[in-house]
Protein backbone atom coordinates (compact mmCIF):
# COMPACT_ATOMS: atom_id res chain seq x y z
CA MET A 1 -41.76 28.64 -6.24
CA ARG A 2 -41.66 25.02 -5.22
CA ALA A 3 -38.46 23.08 -5.70
CA VAL A 4 -36.90 19.83 -4.78
CA ARG A 5 -33.75 20.76 -2.75
CA ILE A 6 -31.10 19.05 -0.69
CA HIS A 7 -29.04 20.51 2.09
CA ALA A 8 -26.95 17.38 2.69
CA TYR A 9 -25.94 14.31 0.72
CA GLY A 10 -27.76 11.07 1.37
CA GLY A 11 -30.83 9.04 0.63
CA PRO A 12 -34.51 10.09 0.10
CA GLU A 13 -34.63 11.58 3.56
CA VAL A 14 -32.50 14.56 2.49
CA MET A 15 -34.90 15.62 -0.38
CA LYS A 16 -37.25 18.41 0.60
CA VAL A 17 -39.86 20.19 -1.40
CA GLU A 18 -39.41 23.81 -0.33
CA ASP A 19 -40.50 27.31 -1.27
CA VAL A 20 -37.62 29.13 -2.75
CA ALA A 21 -37.07 32.32 -4.68
CA ARG A 22 -37.77 32.26 -8.37
CA PRO A 23 -34.52 32.58 -10.45
CA SER A 24 -34.02 35.22 -13.04
CA ALA A 25 -32.43 34.97 -16.42
CA ASN A 26 -29.40 36.99 -17.59
CA ALA A 27 -28.52 37.85 -21.16
CA GLY A 28 -28.34 34.81 -23.42
CA GLU A 29 -30.41 32.67 -20.96
CA ARG A 30 -33.96 31.46 -20.82
CA LEU A 31 -36.22 31.39 -17.73
CA VAL A 32 -38.63 28.51 -18.25
CA LYS A 33 -41.85 27.79 -16.40
CA LEU A 34 -41.53 23.98 -16.29
CA ALA A 35 -44.45 21.73 -16.99
CA ALA A 36 -42.48 18.40 -16.72
CA ALA A 37 -38.99 17.25 -15.93
CA SER A 38 -37.38 13.79 -16.05
CA VAL A 39 -35.58 11.79 -13.43
CA ASN A 40 -32.13 10.41 -14.59
CA PRO A 41 -29.63 8.34 -12.73
CA ILE A 42 -27.42 11.29 -12.38
CA ASP A 43 -30.01 12.91 -10.12
CA TRP A 44 -29.84 10.31 -7.34
CA LYS A 45 -26.10 9.92 -7.78
CA MET A 46 -25.64 13.69 -7.23
CA ARG A 47 -28.05 13.41 -4.21
CA HIS A 48 -25.52 10.85 -2.84
CA GLY A 49 -22.60 13.27 -3.41
CA LEU A 50 -21.35 12.37 -6.88
CA MET A 51 -19.22 15.30 -8.15
CA SER A 52 -19.71 16.96 -4.75
CA PRO A 53 -22.42 19.47 -5.95
CA SER A 54 -22.63 22.66 -3.89
CA LEU A 55 -25.25 22.72 -1.19
CA PRO A 56 -28.10 23.59 -0.88
CA ARG A 57 -28.93 22.44 -4.37
CA ILE A 58 -32.10 22.11 -6.50
CA LEU A 59 -31.94 18.74 -8.21
CA GLY A 60 -32.80 17.81 -11.84
CA ARG A 61 -31.04 18.05 -15.21
CA ASP A 62 -33.66 18.41 -17.99
CA GLY A 63 -37.23 19.52 -18.60
CA ALA A 64 -39.76 21.21 -20.77
CA GLY A 65 -42.10 24.12 -20.42
CA VAL A 66 -42.79 27.66 -21.54
CA ASP A 67 -40.16 30.40 -21.92
CA VAL A 68 -41.44 33.17 -19.67
CA ALA A 69 -40.24 36.02 -21.84
CA THR A 70 -41.15 34.70 -25.31
CA GLY A 71 -44.07 32.27 -24.66
CA GLU A 72 -42.25 29.62 -26.71
CA ARG A 73 -42.63 25.92 -25.81
CA VAL A 74 -39.17 24.56 -25.21
CA MET A 75 -37.09 21.65 -23.99
CA ALA A 76 -33.77 22.25 -22.28
CA VAL A 77 -30.87 20.70 -20.45
CA GLY A 78 -29.34 22.38 -17.48
CA SER A 79 -29.62 22.24 -13.77
CA GLY A 80 -32.31 22.74 -11.03
CA THR A 81 -35.17 21.41 -13.22
CA HIS A 82 -37.05 19.72 -10.35
CA ALA A 83 -38.74 22.98 -9.62
CA GLU A 84 -41.46 25.21 -11.00
CA TYR A 85 -38.96 27.45 -12.80
CA ALA A 86 -35.42 27.00 -14.05
CA VAL A 87 -32.88 29.04 -16.02
CA PHE A 88 -31.09 27.58 -19.01
CA GLU A 89 -28.28 28.62 -21.24
CA GLY A 90 -29.83 29.67 -24.56
CA SER A 91 -27.55 27.18 -26.39
CA ALA A 92 -29.04 24.29 -24.30
CA ALA A 93 -32.69 25.01 -25.18
CA VAL A 94 -34.72 24.32 -28.34
CA ILE A 95 -38.28 25.10 -29.44
CA LEU A 96 -40.53 22.10 -29.49
CA PRO A 97 -42.33 20.78 -32.60
CA GLN A 98 -45.97 21.70 -32.62
CA GLY A 99 -48.05 19.14 -30.77
CA MET A 100 -45.15 17.46 -28.92
CA PRO A 101 -46.37 16.88 -25.34
CA PHE A 102 -44.20 18.42 -22.58
CA GLU A 103 -43.78 15.10 -20.79
CA GLU A 104 -42.29 13.39 -23.90
CA ALA A 105 -40.01 16.43 -24.42
CA ALA A 106 -38.87 16.39 -20.78
CA GLY A 107 -37.88 12.75 -21.12
CA LEU A 108 -35.78 13.27 -24.18
CA GLY A 109 -32.96 15.58 -23.03
CA ILE A 110 -30.30 13.92 -20.99
CA ALA A 111 -31.19 10.33 -21.92
CA GLY A 112 -31.48 11.21 -25.68
CA LEU A 113 -28.09 12.89 -25.67
CA SER A 114 -26.60 10.00 -23.72
CA ALA A 115 -27.62 7.66 -26.61
CA TRP A 116 -27.04 10.04 -29.52
CA ILE A 117 -23.48 11.17 -28.69
CA PRO A 118 -21.89 7.65 -28.31
CA LEU A 119 -23.71 6.01 -31.26
CA ALA A 120 -24.07 8.78 -33.83
CA GLU A 121 -21.00 10.89 -33.02
CA ASN A 122 -18.41 8.74 -31.31
CA ALA A 123 -19.12 5.44 -33.10
CA ASN A 124 -20.56 6.93 -36.30
CA LEU A 125 -22.87 3.88 -36.47
CA ALA A 126 -23.77 3.10 -40.03
CA ALA A 127 -26.15 1.06 -42.02
CA GLY A 128 -25.29 -2.63 -42.24
CA GLN A 129 -23.34 -2.64 -38.93
CA ARG A 130 -24.16 -4.83 -35.99
CA VAL A 131 -24.44 -3.22 -32.47
CA LEU A 132 -24.90 -4.55 -29.03
CA ILE A 133 -26.67 -2.19 -26.60
CA HIS A 134 -26.55 -3.12 -22.98
CA ALA A 135 -29.65 -2.46 -20.82
CA GLY A 136 -31.84 -1.72 -23.74
CA ALA A 137 -35.03 -1.39 -21.67
CA GLY A 138 -33.77 1.60 -19.71
CA GLY A 139 -34.26 5.27 -20.56
CA VAL A 140 -30.95 5.63 -22.48
CA GLY A 141 -31.20 2.10 -23.98
CA SER A 142 -34.76 2.82 -25.32
CA PHE A 143 -33.39 5.74 -27.32
CA ALA A 144 -30.18 4.00 -28.29
CA ILE A 145 -32.18 1.13 -29.82
CA GLN A 146 -34.31 3.58 -31.90
CA ILE A 147 -31.30 5.68 -33.01
CA ALA A 148 -29.37 2.54 -34.06
CA ARG A 149 -32.32 1.20 -36.03
CA GLN A 150 -32.83 4.61 -37.79
CA ARG A 151 -29.22 4.49 -38.84
CA GLY A 152 -29.74 1.03 -40.46
CA ALA A 153 -27.87 -1.13 -37.93
CA GLU A 154 -28.75 -4.68 -36.80
CA VAL A 155 -29.55 -4.18 -33.08
CA TRP A 156 -29.01 -6.66 -30.33
CA THR A 157 -29.56 -5.83 -26.59
CA THR A 158 -29.28 -7.27 -23.16
CA CYS A 159 -32.43 -7.10 -20.99
CA SER A 160 -34.56 -9.19 -18.73
CA ALA A 161 -37.04 -11.67 -20.14
CA ARG A 162 -39.82 -9.34 -18.86
CA ASN A 163 -38.57 -6.64 -21.18
CA ALA A 164 -37.76 -8.68 -24.25
CA GLU A 165 -40.98 -7.95 -26.13
CA TYR A 166 -40.73 -4.24 -25.15
CA CYS A 167 -37.20 -4.04 -26.69
CA ARG A 168 -38.31 -5.95 -29.84
CA ALA A 169 -41.16 -3.44 -30.32
CA LEU A 170 -38.53 -0.69 -30.38
CA GLY A 171 -36.69 -2.44 -33.21
CA VAL A 172 -34.32 -4.96 -31.63
CA TYR A 173 -33.29 -7.85 -33.85
CA GLN A 174 -32.30 -10.12 -30.90
CA THR A 175 -32.55 -9.89 -27.13
CA ILE A 176 -30.14 -11.61 -24.62
CA ASP A 177 -31.50 -12.35 -21.20
CA TYR A 178 -28.77 -11.08 -18.97
CA THR A 179 -30.27 -12.94 -15.95
CA ARG A 180 -29.48 -16.35 -17.43
CA GLU A 181 -27.34 -15.88 -20.59
CA ASP A 182 -23.81 -14.74 -21.06
CA PHE A 183 -23.73 -12.21 -23.90
CA THR A 184 -20.13 -13.25 -24.77
CA ALA A 185 -21.28 -16.79 -25.44
CA VAL A 186 -24.61 -16.45 -27.16
CA GLY A 187 -24.18 -13.46 -29.42
CA PRO A 188 -22.20 -12.86 -32.63
CA ILE A 189 -19.23 -10.51 -33.14
CA PHE A 190 -20.23 -6.80 -33.24
CA ASP A 191 -19.00 -3.63 -34.94
CA VAL A 192 -20.04 -1.56 -31.97
CA VAL A 193 -20.92 -2.14 -28.34
CA PHE A 194 -22.59 0.51 -26.27
CA ASP A 195 -21.98 -0.07 -22.64
CA THR A 196 -24.27 1.67 -20.08
CA VAL A 197 -23.42 -0.63 -17.17
CA GLY A 198 -19.66 -0.61 -16.66
CA GLY A 199 -17.50 -2.84 -14.40
CA ASP A 200 -17.27 -6.44 -15.58
CA VAL A 201 -19.74 -5.86 -18.39
CA HIS A 202 -17.39 -3.20 -19.74
CA ARG A 203 -14.39 -5.55 -19.66
CA ARG A 204 -16.20 -8.47 -21.23
CA SER A 205 -17.77 -6.32 -23.92
CA ALA A 206 -14.34 -6.17 -25.61
CA ASP A 207 -14.52 -9.84 -26.16
CA VAL A 208 -17.37 -9.55 -28.59
CA LEU A 209 -15.96 -6.84 -30.81
CA LYS A 210 -14.46 -7.20 -34.30
CA PRO A 211 -10.92 -5.98 -34.82
CA LEU A 212 -11.11 -2.12 -35.12
CA GLY A 213 -14.57 -2.31 -33.43
CA ILE A 214 -15.75 0.42 -31.13
CA LEU A 215 -16.60 0.11 -27.46
CA ALA A 216 -18.56 3.28 -26.62
CA TYR A 217 -19.49 3.63 -22.92
CA LEU A 218 -21.53 5.72 -20.67
CA SER A 219 -21.30 4.73 -17.07
CA ALA A 220 -20.53 6.05 -13.57
CA ALA A 221 -19.32 2.54 -12.64
CA PRO A 222 -15.51 1.93 -12.69
CA THR A 223 -14.13 0.88 -16.08
CA VAL A 224 -11.42 -1.80 -16.14
CA PRO A 225 -8.65 -2.62 -18.63
CA VAL A 226 -10.02 -4.67 -21.53
CA GLY A 227 -6.84 -6.32 -22.67
CA ARG A 228 -7.18 -5.53 -26.39
CA LYS A 229 -5.21 -3.12 -28.44
CA ASP A 230 -7.01 -3.64 -31.69
CA ILE A 231 -10.26 -1.93 -30.70
CA GLN A 232 -11.31 1.66 -30.08
CA ILE A 233 -12.62 2.58 -26.62
CA LYS A 234 -14.59 5.81 -26.53
CA PRO A 235 -16.05 7.43 -23.43
CA THR A 236 -18.97 9.79 -23.65
CA LEU A 237 -19.11 13.37 -22.53
CA VAL A 238 -22.81 14.39 -22.34
CA ARG A 239 -22.83 18.07 -23.34
CA PRO A 240 -26.01 19.75 -24.58
CA THR A 241 -25.86 21.93 -27.69
CA LYS A 242 -28.70 23.40 -29.70
CA GLU A 243 -27.53 21.30 -32.69
CA ARG A 244 -27.61 18.04 -30.84
CA LEU A 245 -31.02 18.71 -29.30
CA GLU A 246 -32.45 19.71 -32.64
CA ALA A 247 -31.07 16.55 -34.21
CA LEU A 248 -32.83 14.47 -31.48
CA LEU A 249 -36.16 16.18 -32.11
CA ARG A 250 -35.87 15.55 -35.93
CA LEU A 251 -35.60 11.86 -35.31
CA GLY A 252 -39.14 11.66 -34.00
CA LEU A 253 -38.20 9.13 -31.34
CA LYS A 254 -40.83 7.39 -29.19
CA VAL A 255 -40.46 8.48 -25.58
CA PRO A 256 -41.58 5.51 -23.48
CA ILE A 257 -42.81 6.70 -20.04
CA GLU A 258 -42.63 4.13 -17.25
CA ALA A 259 -44.18 6.26 -14.52
CA ARG A 260 -45.36 9.80 -13.62
CA PHE A 261 -44.98 11.50 -10.19
CA ALA A 262 -46.05 14.84 -8.77
CA LEU A 263 -43.15 17.02 -7.65
CA GLU A 264 -44.04 16.28 -4.00
CA ARG A 265 -43.32 12.57 -4.72
CA ALA A 266 -39.91 13.06 -6.25
CA ALA A 267 -38.25 10.94 -3.64
CA GLU A 268 -40.40 7.97 -4.79
CA ALA A 269 -39.42 8.71 -8.45
CA TYR A 270 -35.68 8.69 -7.46
CA GLU A 271 -35.98 5.31 -5.77
CA LEU A 272 -37.71 3.87 -8.84
CA SER A 273 -34.77 5.06 -10.94
CA ARG A 274 -32.27 3.75 -8.40
CA SER A 275 -33.81 0.30 -8.51
CA GLY A 276 -32.57 -0.12 -12.10
CA HIS A 277 -35.84 -1.78 -13.11
CA ALA A 278 -37.58 1.22 -14.70
CA ARG A 279 -38.59 0.66 -18.32
CA GLY A 280 -38.20 3.82 -20.33
CA LYS A 281 -38.40 7.29 -18.66
CA ILE A 282 -39.63 8.53 -15.27
CA ILE A 283 -41.33 11.90 -15.38
CA LEU A 284 -42.12 14.58 -12.75
CA GLN A 285 -45.35 16.42 -13.48
CA ILE A 286 -44.83 20.06 -12.36
CA SER A 287 -47.67 22.09 -13.77
């Protein structure tokens, strides 16, 4: 089978599309013939050596396709999805609703969980609350906006002027142009802030929270002390379960797709993700 594999850490030059042996599933696992997979920031970060993944390694963390044994259409989260076949734990795969395209399902896994867990589980965001979502035009942000709106919250987001209308179409009440506006100066006080950026944005996010407010964060960037003892700070551990994936599917979220690439052009897809300017999801078309 064809697979995107690395034998060393580094930039696009270490990514090779190679012929490798097809994996096989053990008891409790699913072997899936992938039709599509998504590109997430974790992919290029692992390519650079984040978490020191073992080498050689097939990249990719989520995808959608057909279970080889049962013929069921599934979406799943695991590893090695930038390939024609991948094996998933049965608890990390769910059957797709009839008519859901593989590309949309592939884009929902990691990014959807990365929005659902901090907002719905960690912050327990509720109707009538006000939430600030950083980087609302990105893959995670696009889902976070929709999840927050479905839960009845008033949603604000930081984004560029170019993406303001895009975010409003997803349900945002007010956008803040991070290229020329300071979110701590132009916005109100929030019940919840969802930080996907880290660093100084993480620190300053504490300044716009109500007492007992929640700063939920998802970021590989260093977090810094926020200097407040009257707020809750909740990191996110993105862990797939059947229950979480099924909850995402029930929401009927729109999956905005920025770009599609053939498997052989995976390096280009990674660089688009690394640029930080992608709107919505980046998809690899596999079969």
